[in-house]
Amino acid sequence: MSMNMAATLGIVRHYFDKRKGAAFACIGLGAGVGQVTFPALLSTMLTNLGYKLTMLYISPIFLLNILPPILFKEQLPLNKPKSAKVLFHSYLSSFKRYITPFFLLNALFARGAQLGILVLLFSHISNATDNQTAVISYSVIGFSILVSNLLLTLILLKFRINCFVTQIIFNVCIGISCCIMAAFNEPIVYYICSGVFGFTHGGTLAIKGALSIHVYPTEAIEYSYGLSEAFGGIGSFLFPLVGGYIQKFYGSSAGLYFLGAAAALGGIVFAIAALIRSQLWIPYEKRKADNKPATRDNELKIGVDNDGAENGDDMTHANEKQEEKGDQNQNEVTVQA
């Protein structure tokens, strides 16, 4: 699955010159739809058919991944494939960029905390109220993820949004909604906060690829995205584990407080990075275009303008001298008269 995602990202960068953010959002949309539909489908199949038949019937669905590459129009890369040494150096070179530590910390905290919330929330709601409220809350989360993915994908197809700012807002909203669910044990609170959590969680999935485009150059997207996924995987292992232990020894509310604070910290890390270097608020390609040095034509044009200004100043100075000389001659004639 990891190699599949890396190949998909490479295909998008290879085939799309414009609207790369929208293309990456479509990838996020597919991932979001899969996260909503497959758990319910697999749960139903496992209950009714058992493990063996479920795996037998679900395998042809994954074989559908063969069809899209067959339909792609052949377009060979312009450059030769990179050697393993060059690829390893490309990954290491990503760490030389200022934003990389903040980018990886965001993936570690935010993505790990989000998965932990999804894992622990059901048991918390079941213990606080009843099982039916937990089921309805998870249905609200699934529906909100789907709506968020569809909506943000359509927005990215039509408009350009600042994914950096959006990511910060979504991470903070996830943390706040989680802490509210830990503090109040009312079904209506769970339903509302589940909708907010699902929408913002789905939004982070939709803009995940577009966020890489915002902070990295196009040629470094695969490497930055791969590192982000690696740290997100580490967080997805650590935070549900730590949150589960906290929930076991200190209560379910304490576990949700911990995960909510971790999710919000993922957005705060990005905000700190942007406060130190304000240019991070601007997409990378736009920053690069604004900082582009003047071309030869612009230099020639500037030189011509400067020469013209100098020539104009010289002519003005000569005219002034001629006028002064004329005034002196007129004064001499007057004196003689």
Protein backbone atom coordinates (compact mmCIF):
# COMPACT_ATOMS: atom_id res chain seq x y z
CA MET A 1 0.00 0.00 0.00
CA SER A 2 2.88 2.39 0.79
CA MET A 3 4.52 1.71 -2.59
CA ASN A 4 1.14 2.22 -4.25
CA MET A 5 0.82 5.68 -2.70
CA ALA A 6 4.37 6.65 -3.73
CA ALA A 7 3.68 5.60 -7.33
CA THR A 8 0.41 7.53 -7.36
CA LEU A 9 2.15 10.70 -6.21
CA GLY A 10 4.80 10.29 -8.90
CA ILE A 11 2.15 9.87 -11.58
CA VAL A 12 0.33 13.03 -10.49
CA ARG A 13 3.52 15.11 -10.58
CA HIS A 14 4.40 13.65 -13.98
CA TYR A 15 1.07 14.27 -15.70
CA PHE A 16 -0.16 17.53 -14.15
CA ASP A 17 1.50 20.88 -14.80
CA LYS A 18 -1.37 22.95 -13.42
CA ARG A 19 -3.83 22.26 -10.63
CA LYS A 20 -1.50 19.84 -8.89
CA GLY A 21 -3.20 20.72 -5.61
CA ALA A 22 -6.57 19.64 -7.02
CA ALA A 23 -5.05 16.40 -8.32
CA PHE A 24 -3.60 15.60 -4.91
CA ALA A 25 -6.96 16.49 -3.37
CA CYS A 26 -8.60 13.86 -5.58
CA ILE A 27 -6.18 11.31 -4.14
CA GLY A 28 -7.24 12.43 -0.67
CA LEU A 29 -10.87 12.13 -1.73
CA GLY A 30 -10.36 8.51 -2.76
CA ALA A 31 -8.61 7.76 0.53
CA GLY A 32 -11.43 9.43 2.49
CA VAL A 33 -14.16 7.53 0.65
CA GLY A 34 -12.26 4.29 1.29
CA GLN A 35 -11.94 5.08 4.99
CA VAL A 36 -15.70 5.63 5.23
CA THR A 37 -16.95 2.69 3.14
CA PHE A 38 -14.46 -0.14 3.71
CA PRO A 39 -14.71 -0.42 7.51
CA ALA A 40 -18.51 -0.77 7.34
CA LEU A 41 -18.27 -3.17 4.40
CA LEU A 42 -15.61 -5.35 6.01
CA SER A 43 -17.41 -5.38 9.36
CA THR A 44 -20.61 -6.62 7.72
CA MET A 45 -18.78 -9.24 5.65
CA LEU A 46 -16.77 -10.54 8.60
CA THR A 47 -19.93 -10.90 10.69
CA ASN A 48 -21.92 -12.71 8.01
CA LEU A 49 -19.27 -14.60 6.01
CA GLY A 50 -16.26 -15.11 8.27
CA TYR A 51 -12.61 -14.22 7.69
CA LYS A 52 -11.81 -16.67 4.87
CA LEU A 53 -14.73 -15.78 2.58
CA THR A 54 -14.34 -12.06 3.33
CA MET A 55 -10.72 -12.08 2.14
CA LEU A 56 -11.72 -14.15 -0.89
CA TYR A 57 -14.44 -11.69 -1.95
CA ILE A 58 -12.52 -8.52 -1.12
CA SER A 59 -9.40 -9.45 -3.11
CA PRO A 60 -10.92 -8.71 -6.57
CA ILE A 61 -11.65 -5.14 -5.41
CA PHE A 62 -7.94 -4.55 -4.80
CA LEU A 63 -7.13 -6.06 -8.20
CA LEU A 64 -8.96 -3.08 -9.72
CA ASN A 65 -5.76 -1.10 -9.07
CA ILE A 66 -4.42 -2.69 -12.25
CA LEU A 67 -6.93 -0.89 -14.49
CA PRO A 68 -5.88 2.78 -14.11
CA PRO A 69 -2.24 2.24 -15.21
CA ILE A 70 -3.48 0.39 -18.31
CA LEU A 71 -5.62 3.39 -19.28
CA PHE A 72 -2.82 5.95 -18.76
CA LYS A 73 -1.45 7.50 -21.92
CA GLU A 74 2.19 6.53 -22.25
CA GLN A 75 4.49 9.42 -21.44
CA LEU A 76 8.01 8.43 -20.54
CA PRO A 77 9.97 10.53 -18.05
CA LEU A 78 12.39 13.01 -19.56
CA ASN A 79 15.15 12.09 -17.12
CA LYS A 80 16.72 8.73 -16.43
CA PRO A 81 15.50 6.83 -13.36
CA LYS A 82 17.53 7.74 -10.30
CA SER A 83 19.89 5.27 -8.67
CA ALA A 84 19.39 4.09 -5.10
CA LYS A 85 22.24 6.35 -3.94
CA VAL A 86 20.67 9.41 -5.57
CA LEU A 87 17.25 8.57 -4.10
CA PHE A 88 18.74 8.21 -0.62
CA HIS A 89 20.49 11.56 -1.05
CA SER A 90 17.19 13.12 -2.19
CA TYR A 91 15.50 12.00 1.02
CA LEU A 92 18.37 13.33 3.12
CA SER A 93 18.36 16.65 1.26
CA SER A 94 14.78 17.23 2.46
CA PHE A 95 16.11 17.56 6.01
CA LYS A 96 18.19 20.56 4.96
CA ARG A 97 15.06 22.64 4.47
CA TYR A 98 13.86 24.83 7.31
CA ILE A 99 10.26 23.59 7.22
CA THR A 100 11.05 19.84 7.34
CA PRO A 101 11.25 19.37 11.17
CA PHE A 102 7.96 21.26 11.62
CA PHE A 103 6.37 19.36 8.73
CA LEU A 104 7.31 15.99 10.24
CA LEU A 105 6.25 17.00 13.77
CA ASN A 106 2.86 18.03 12.37
CA ALA A 107 2.48 14.60 10.76
CA LEU A 108 3.62 12.85 13.94
CA PHE A 109 1.31 14.69 16.36
CA ALA A 110 -1.74 15.47 14.23
CA ARG A 111 -2.11 12.21 12.33
CA GLY A 112 -1.23 10.00 15.29
CA ALA A 113 -3.66 11.85 17.55
CA GLN A 114 -6.46 11.66 14.98
CA LEU A 115 -6.14 7.90 14.69
CA GLY A 116 -5.99 7.62 18.48
CA ILE A 117 -9.21 9.62 18.77
CA LEU A 118 -10.94 7.31 16.28
CA VAL A 119 -9.74 4.27 18.25
CA LEU A 120 -10.62 5.45 21.77
CA LEU A 121 -13.68 7.60 21.17
CA PHE A 122 -16.14 4.72 20.76
CA SER A 123 -15.29 3.18 24.14
CA HIS A 124 -15.40 6.60 25.82
CA ILE A 125 -18.89 7.40 24.49
CA SER A 126 -20.13 3.89 25.27
CA ASN A 127 -18.96 4.14 28.87
CA ALA A 128 -20.26 7.71 29.30
CA THR A 129 -23.72 7.16 27.77
CA ASP A 130 -24.70 4.03 25.85
CA ASN A 131 -23.73 1.97 22.84
CA GLN A 132 -26.40 3.51 20.57
CA THR A 133 -25.02 7.04 21.09
CA ALA A 134 -21.54 5.76 20.19
CA VAL A 135 -22.84 4.16 16.97
CA ILE A 136 -24.68 7.35 15.94
CA SER A 137 -21.59 9.45 16.72
CA TYR A 138 -19.41 7.26 14.53
CA SER A 139 -21.97 7.42 11.73
CA VAL A 140 -21.85 11.21 11.98
CA ILE A 141 -18.03 11.09 11.81
CA GLY A 142 -18.08 8.89 8.70
CA PHE A 143 -20.63 11.08 6.92
CA SER A 144 -18.73 14.25 7.84
CA ILE A 145 -15.45 12.80 6.49
CA LEU A 146 -17.12 12.02 3.18
CA VAL A 147 -18.73 15.48 2.90
CA SER A 148 -15.47 17.20 3.81
CA ASN A 149 -13.49 15.26 1.22
CA LEU A 150 -16.01 15.98 -1.53
CA LEU A 151 -16.38 19.65 -0.63
CA LEU A 152 -12.68 20.45 -0.32
CA THR A 153 -11.85 18.54 -3.51
CA LEU A 154 -14.43 20.58 -5.43
CA ILE A 155 -13.08 23.79 -3.88
CA LEU A 156 -9.50 22.92 -4.85
CA LEU A 157 -10.63 22.11 -8.40
CA LYS A 158 -12.14 25.59 -8.76
CA PHE A 159 -10.26 27.86 -6.35
CA ARG A 160 -6.87 28.18 -4.72
CA ILE A 161 -6.91 28.01 -0.93
CA ASN A 162 -4.06 28.41 1.52
CA CYS A 163 -3.58 24.80 2.67
CA PHE A 164 -1.01 25.85 5.29
CA VAL A 165 -3.51 28.04 7.15
CA THR A 166 -6.28 25.48 6.61
CA GLN A 167 -4.18 22.73 8.17
CA ILE A 168 -3.50 24.84 11.27
CA ILE A 169 -7.21 25.66 11.71
CA PHE A 170 -8.28 22.04 11.22
CA ASN A 171 -5.73 20.65 13.69
CA VAL A 172 -6.75 23.15 16.37
CA CYS A 173 -10.47 22.42 15.76
CA ILE A 174 -9.82 18.67 16.12
CA GLY A 175 -8.11 19.26 19.46
CA ILE A 176 -10.88 21.54 20.77
CA SER A 177 -13.71 19.20 19.71
CA CYS A 178 -11.94 16.24 21.33
CA CYS A 179 -11.47 18.10 24.62
CA ILE A 180 -15.13 19.19 24.62
CA MET A 181 -16.24 15.56 24.18
CA ALA A 182 -14.01 14.64 27.13
CA ALA A 183 -15.49 17.37 29.32
CA PHE A 184 -19.24 16.98 28.61
CA ASN A 185 -21.15 13.69 28.69
CA GLU A 186 -24.24 14.72 26.73
CA PRO A 187 -25.37 12.95 23.52
CA ILE A 188 -26.03 16.25 21.68
CA VAL A 189 -22.46 17.36 22.49
CA TYR A 190 -21.09 14.09 21.10
CA TYR A 191 -23.12 14.45 17.89
CA ILE A 192 -22.03 18.05 17.24
CA CYS A 193 -18.38 17.49 18.12
CA SER A 194 -18.32 14.25 16.10
CA GLY A 195 -19.48 16.24 13.08
CA VAL A 196 -16.77 18.87 13.64
CA PHE A 197 -14.11 16.21 14.18
CA GLY A 198 -15.17 14.21 11.12
CA PHE A 199 -15.26 17.28 8.88
CA THR A 200 -11.85 18.56 9.98
CA HIS A 201 -10.30 15.08 9.95
CA GLY A 202 -11.56 14.51 6.41
CA GLY A 203 -10.26 17.96 5.46
CA THR A 204 -6.75 17.09 6.59
CA LEU A 205 -6.90 13.99 4.39
CA ALA A 206 -8.08 16.01 1.39
CA ILE A 207 -5.38 18.70 1.60
CA LYS A 208 -2.54 16.38 2.66
CA GLY A 209 -0.96 16.32 -0.80
CA ALA A 210 -1.71 19.96 -1.53
CA LEU A 211 0.02 20.88 1.73
CA SER A 212 3.25 19.33 0.43
CA ILE A 213 2.97 21.51 -2.67
CA HIS A 214 2.56 24.58 -0.47
CA VAL A 215 5.80 24.12 1.48
CA TYR A 216 8.05 22.18 -0.94
CA PRO A 217 9.18 22.52 -4.57
CA THR A 218 7.56 20.21 -7.09
CA GLU A 219 10.59 17.93 -7.47
CA ALA A 220 10.71 17.24 -3.72
CA ILE A 221 7.03 16.34 -3.19
CA GLU A 222 7.45 12.54 -3.31
CA TYR A 223 10.26 12.60 -0.76
CA SER A 224 8.56 15.06 1.59
CA TYR A 225 5.26 13.19 1.34
CA GLY A 226 7.02 9.88 1.97
CA LEU A 227 8.74 11.24 5.08
CA SER A 228 5.44 12.69 6.25
CA GLU A 229 3.71 9.33 5.85
CA ALA A 230 6.55 7.60 7.73
CA PHE A 231 6.27 9.95 10.71
CA GLY A 232 2.47 9.76 10.52
CA GLY A 233 2.77 5.97 10.76
CA ILE A 234 5.01 6.29 13.82
CA GLY A 235 2.48 8.61 15.43
CA SER A 236 -0.37 6.27 14.50
CA PHE A 237 1.38 3.55 16.49
CA LEU A 238 2.49 5.62 19.49
CA PHE A 239 -0.46 7.88 20.25
CA PRO A 240 -3.24 5.24 20.32
CA LEU A 241 -0.96 3.12 22.53
CA VAL A 242 -0.13 5.92 24.97
CA GLY A 243 -3.72 7.22 24.91
CA GLY A 244 -5.00 3.72 25.67
CA TYR A 245 -2.74 3.39 28.70
CA ILE A 246 -3.78 6.84 29.95
CA GLN A 247 -7.43 5.90 29.46
CA LYS A 248 -6.89 2.64 31.35
CA PHE A 249 -5.15 4.11 34.40
CA TYR A 250 -6.59 7.65 34.61
CA GLY A 251 -10.00 7.37 32.92
CA SER A 252 -11.31 7.73 29.37
CA SER A 253 -11.58 11.52 29.64
CA ALA A 254 -7.87 11.83 30.43
CA GLY A 255 -7.01 9.83 27.30
CA LEU A 256 -9.12 12.13 25.12
CA TYR A 257 -7.59 15.24 26.71
CA PHE A 258 -4.14 13.90 25.87
CA LEU A 259 -5.05 13.14 22.25
CA GLY A 260 -6.86 16.45 21.79
CA ALA A 261 -3.83 18.37 23.06
CA ALA A 262 -1.56 16.38 20.71
CA ALA A 263 -3.79 17.13 17.69
CA ALA A 264 -3.85 20.85 18.49
CA LEU A 265 -0.08 20.80 19.00
CA GLY A 266 0.31 19.62 15.41
CA GLY A 267 -1.27 22.88 14.21
CA ILE A 268 0.60 25.00 16.76
CA VAL A 269 3.90 23.63 15.44
CA PHE A 270 3.05 24.96 11.97
CA ALA A 271 2.00 28.33 13.43
CA ILE A 272 5.33 28.64 15.26
CA ALA A 273 7.23 27.85 12.07
CA ALA A 274 5.32 30.54 10.18
CA LEU A 275 5.76 33.11 12.95
CA ILE A 276 9.53 32.60 12.77
CA ARG A 277 9.54 32.81 8.97
CA SER A 278 6.52 34.70 7.72
CA GLN A 279 7.14 33.73 4.08
CA LEU A 280 5.75 30.25 4.87
CA TRP A 281 2.23 31.70 4.70
CA ILE A 282 2.82 32.07 0.93
CA PRO A 283 2.89 28.96 -1.37
CA TYR A 284 6.38 27.86 -2.41
CA GLU A 285 5.94 28.41 -6.15
CA LYS A 286 4.68 31.95 -5.58
CA ARG A 287 7.61 32.70 -3.26
CA LYS A 288 9.97 31.37 -5.88
CA ALA A 289 8.39 33.52 -8.60
CA ASP A 290 8.52 36.65 -6.42
CA ASN A 291 12.19 36.09 -5.56
CA LYS A 292 13.19 35.32 -9.15
CA PRO A 293 16.14 37.55 -10.25
CA ALA A 294 15.72 40.03 -13.09
CA THR A 295 16.20 38.58 -16.57
CA ARG A 296 18.63 39.88 -19.19
CA ASP A 297 15.85 41.75 -20.99
CA ASN A 298 14.85 43.50 -17.78
CA GLU A 299 18.47 44.41 -17.10
CA LEU A 300 18.84 45.87 -20.60
CA LYS A 301 15.59 47.76 -20.20
CA ILE A 302 16.73 49.14 -16.86
CA GLY A 303 20.06 50.14 -18.43
CA VAL A 304 18.32 51.95 -21.28
CA ASP A 305 16.09 53.80 -18.86
CA ASN A 306 19.10 54.84 -16.79
CA ASP A 307 21.01 55.99 -19.88
CA GLY A 308 18.00 57.96 -21.04
CA ALA A 309 17.70 59.60 -17.65
CA GLU A 310 21.41 60.48 -17.65
CA ASN A 311 21.21 61.93 -21.18
CA GLY A 312 18.18 63.97 -20.19
CA ASP A 313 20.03 65.34 -17.17
CA ASP A 314 23.01 66.29 -19.36
CA MET A 315 20.79 68.15 -21.85
CA THR A 316 19.03 70.01 -19.04
CA HIS A 317 22.39 71.03 -17.55
CA ALA A 318 23.62 72.31 -20.96
CA ASN A 319 20.47 74.34 -21.51
CA GLU A 320 20.85 75.93 -18.10
CA LYS A 321 24.46 76.91 -18.90
CA GLN A 322 23.38 78.38 -22.23
CA GLU A 323 20.66 80.43 -20.55
CA GLU A 324 23.14 81.72 -17.95
CA LYS A 325 25.56 82.72 -20.73
CA GLY A 326 22.76 84.55 -22.56
CA ASP A 327 21.85 86.46 -19.41
CA GLN A 328 25.48 87.52 -18.89
CA ASN A 329 25.75 88.82 -22.47
CA GLN A 330 22.52 90.78 -22.06
CA ASN A 331 23.82 92.34 -18.82
CA GLU A 332 27.09 93.37 -20.52
CA VAL A 333 25.16 95.08 -23.37
CA THR A 334 23.01 96.94 -20.85
CA VAL A 335 26.10 98.16 -18.94
CA GLN A 336 27.77 99.39 -22.16
CA ALA A 337 24.62 101.24 -23.14
